[in-house]
Amino acid sequence: MIKKIVLGVLLLPLPAVAGLADYGNWCGANNTREDRNYPVKDQIDAVCRKHDLCIRDNGYHKCSCDADFIQGMQKARASSDESERYKIAAIGAFKVKPCECRHKSCIRLCNLRGCWYECNWITTPGMGGSC
């Protein structure tokens, strides 16, 4: 029997998130640093730092931040068995993690005096870093 735990709004099999305890200096839900220049432990930790700074600058659950995280983790070299486990679990969890996409939507309006565009930002759901 596979045990399940809740990760945000997701219900994932335990093996997929078991390695997502805090890792290094930046990886994990409780490992975001105030100092943007705080050192990283290895390439895996560097990907986590980049993601933490992306969501700090752009807001939580942005698909673009999650897409960069997944790509970065796939390319990063693990420095230990622990970091390899974290890498595998993080990629698996982020591939099914909901995210938000922002799109600018404009419509052309016209009246007797001329035409113009009105634009608004629309948030749509995404998943796994994709819109």
Protein backbone atom coordinates (compact mmCIF):
# COMPACT_ATOMS: atom_id res chain seq x y z
CA MET A 1 0.00 0.00 0.00
CA ILE A 2 1.37 3.41 -0.98
CA LYS A 3 0.97 6.06 1.69
CA LYS A 4 0.06 9.55 0.53
CA ILE A 5 0.74 12.97 1.97
CA VAL A 6 -0.60 16.39 1.06
CA LEU A 7 1.83 18.75 -0.66
CA GLY A 8 0.11 22.10 -1.10
CA VAL A 9 -3.10 21.19 -2.91
CA LEU A 10 -1.69 17.99 -4.35
CA LEU A 11 -2.10 14.46 -3.12
CA LEU A 12 1.04 12.63 -4.21
CA PRO A 13 2.34 9.13 -3.50
CA LEU A 14 4.86 9.32 -0.66
CA PRO A 15 7.85 8.12 -2.73
CA ALA A 16 7.43 11.11 -5.08
CA VAL A 17 7.91 13.64 -2.29
CA ALA A 18 9.92 11.72 0.30
CA GLY A 19 13.17 13.41 -0.77
CA LEU A 20 11.68 16.90 -0.53
CA ALA A 21 12.76 17.53 3.01
CA ASP A 22 15.06 20.53 3.25
CA TYR A 23 18.31 19.99 1.34
CA GLY A 24 21.41 22.16 1.23
CA ASN A 25 21.04 25.85 1.97
CA TRP A 26 18.11 26.64 -0.38
CA CYS A 27 16.06 23.52 -1.19
CA GLY A 28 12.82 22.80 0.64
CA ALA A 29 9.81 24.74 1.82
CA ASN A 30 11.60 26.11 4.89
CA ASN A 31 14.96 26.83 3.31
CA THR A 32 14.53 30.21 1.59
CA ARG A 33 17.21 32.67 2.69
CA GLU A 34 16.90 36.42 3.17
CA ASP A 35 20.39 37.03 1.76
CA ARG A 36 20.25 36.62 -2.04
CA ASN A 37 23.98 35.83 -2.02
CA TYR A 38 23.84 33.13 0.65
CA PRO A 39 26.10 30.29 -0.58
CA VAL A 40 24.85 27.15 -2.31
CA LYS A 41 26.00 23.62 -1.46
CA ASP A 42 26.09 22.26 -5.03
CA GLN A 43 24.36 22.47 -8.43
CA ILE A 44 21.09 21.10 -7.02
CA ASP A 45 21.08 23.77 -4.31
CA ALA A 46 21.88 26.42 -6.95
CA VAL A 47 18.74 25.46 -8.90
CA CYS A 48 16.70 25.79 -5.68
CA ARG A 49 18.24 29.21 -5.02
CA LYS A 50 17.33 30.40 -8.51
CA HIS A 51 13.73 29.17 -8.01
CA ASP A 52 13.44 30.78 -4.57
CA LEU A 53 14.61 34.11 -5.96
CA CYS A 54 12.28 33.78 -8.98
CA ILE A 55 9.21 33.29 -6.81
CA ARG A 56 10.38 36.02 -4.43
CA ASP A 57 10.62 38.45 -7.36
CA ASN A 58 7.57 37.25 -9.34
CA GLY A 59 5.18 35.67 -6.82
CA TYR A 60 4.41 32.11 -5.83
CA HIS A 61 3.22 29.45 -8.27
CA LYS A 62 4.43 31.17 -11.45
CA CYS A 63 4.72 28.61 -14.26
CA SER A 64 7.82 30.27 -15.67
CA CYS A 65 9.66 29.82 -12.35
CA ASP A 66 8.59 26.17 -12.12
CA ALA A 67 9.58 25.48 -15.76
CA ASP A 68 13.05 26.90 -15.12
CA PHE A 69 13.28 24.81 -11.94
CA ILE A 70 12.42 21.56 -13.75
CA GLN A 71 14.88 22.27 -16.59
CA GLY A 72 17.58 23.31 -14.14
CA MET A 73 17.15 20.18 -12.03
CA GLN A 74 17.29 17.95 -15.12
CA LYS A 75 20.64 19.49 -16.10
CA ALA A 76 22.16 19.79 -12.60
CA ARG A 77 24.75 17.27 -11.47
CA ALA A 78 24.07 15.68 -8.10
CA SER A 79 27.01 15.72 -5.69
CA SER A 80 25.79 12.88 -3.44
CA ASP A 81 23.16 10.17 -3.10
CA GLU A 82 21.14 12.59 -0.94
CA SER A 83 21.18 15.29 -3.62
CA GLU A 84 20.30 12.73 -6.33
CA ARG A 85 17.26 11.62 -4.29
CA TYR A 86 16.22 15.24 -3.81
CA LYS A 87 16.65 15.94 -7.54
CA ILE A 88 14.50 12.97 -8.60
CA ALA A 89 11.77 13.74 -6.05
CA ALA A 90 11.74 17.48 -6.88
CA ILE A 91 11.41 16.89 -10.63
CA GLY A 92 8.55 14.43 -10.02
CA ALA A 93 6.73 16.77 -7.66
CA PHE A 94 7.12 19.87 -9.82
CA LYS A 95 5.93 18.09 -12.98
CA VAL A 96 2.48 17.68 -11.38
CA LYS A 97 2.44 20.94 -9.38
CA PRO A 98 -0.25 23.47 -10.34
CA CYS A 99 1.04 26.87 -11.38
CA GLU A 100 -0.29 30.19 -12.68
CA CYS A 101 0.26 31.71 -16.11
CA ARG A 102 -0.24 35.42 -16.79
CA HIS A 103 -1.23 36.55 -20.26
CA LYS A 104 -1.89 40.03 -21.56
CA SER A 105 -5.21 40.14 -23.39
CA CYS A 106 -6.08 43.15 -25.54
CA ILE A 107 -9.23 44.04 -27.41
CA ARG A 108 -9.67 46.72 -30.04
CA LEU A 109 -12.40 49.24 -29.33
CA CYS A 110 -13.71 51.84 -31.75
CA ASN A 111 -16.11 54.74 -31.65
CA LEU A 112 -16.74 57.76 -33.86
CA ARG A 113 -13.53 59.44 -32.68
CA GLY A 114 -11.23 56.52 -33.47
CA CYS A 115 -9.97 53.16 -32.28
CA TRP A 116 -7.81 52.09 -29.36
CA TYR A 117 -6.79 48.99 -27.44
CA GLU A 118 -7.66 48.09 -23.89
CA CYS A 119 -5.50 45.46 -22.25
CA ASN A 120 -5.81 43.40 -19.09
CA TRP A 121 -3.69 40.72 -17.46
CA ILE A 122 -5.44 37.35 -17.24
CA THR A 123 -4.30 34.54 -14.97
CA THR A 124 -4.89 31.02 -16.24
CA PRO A 125 -4.05 27.69 -14.64
CA GLY A 126 -1.10 25.62 -15.71
CA MET A 127 0.70 22.52 -14.49
CA GLY A 128 4.28 21.34 -14.34
CA GLY A 129 5.64 24.70 -15.48
CA SER A 130 3.50 24.70 -18.64
CA CYS A 131 0.64 26.99 -19.55
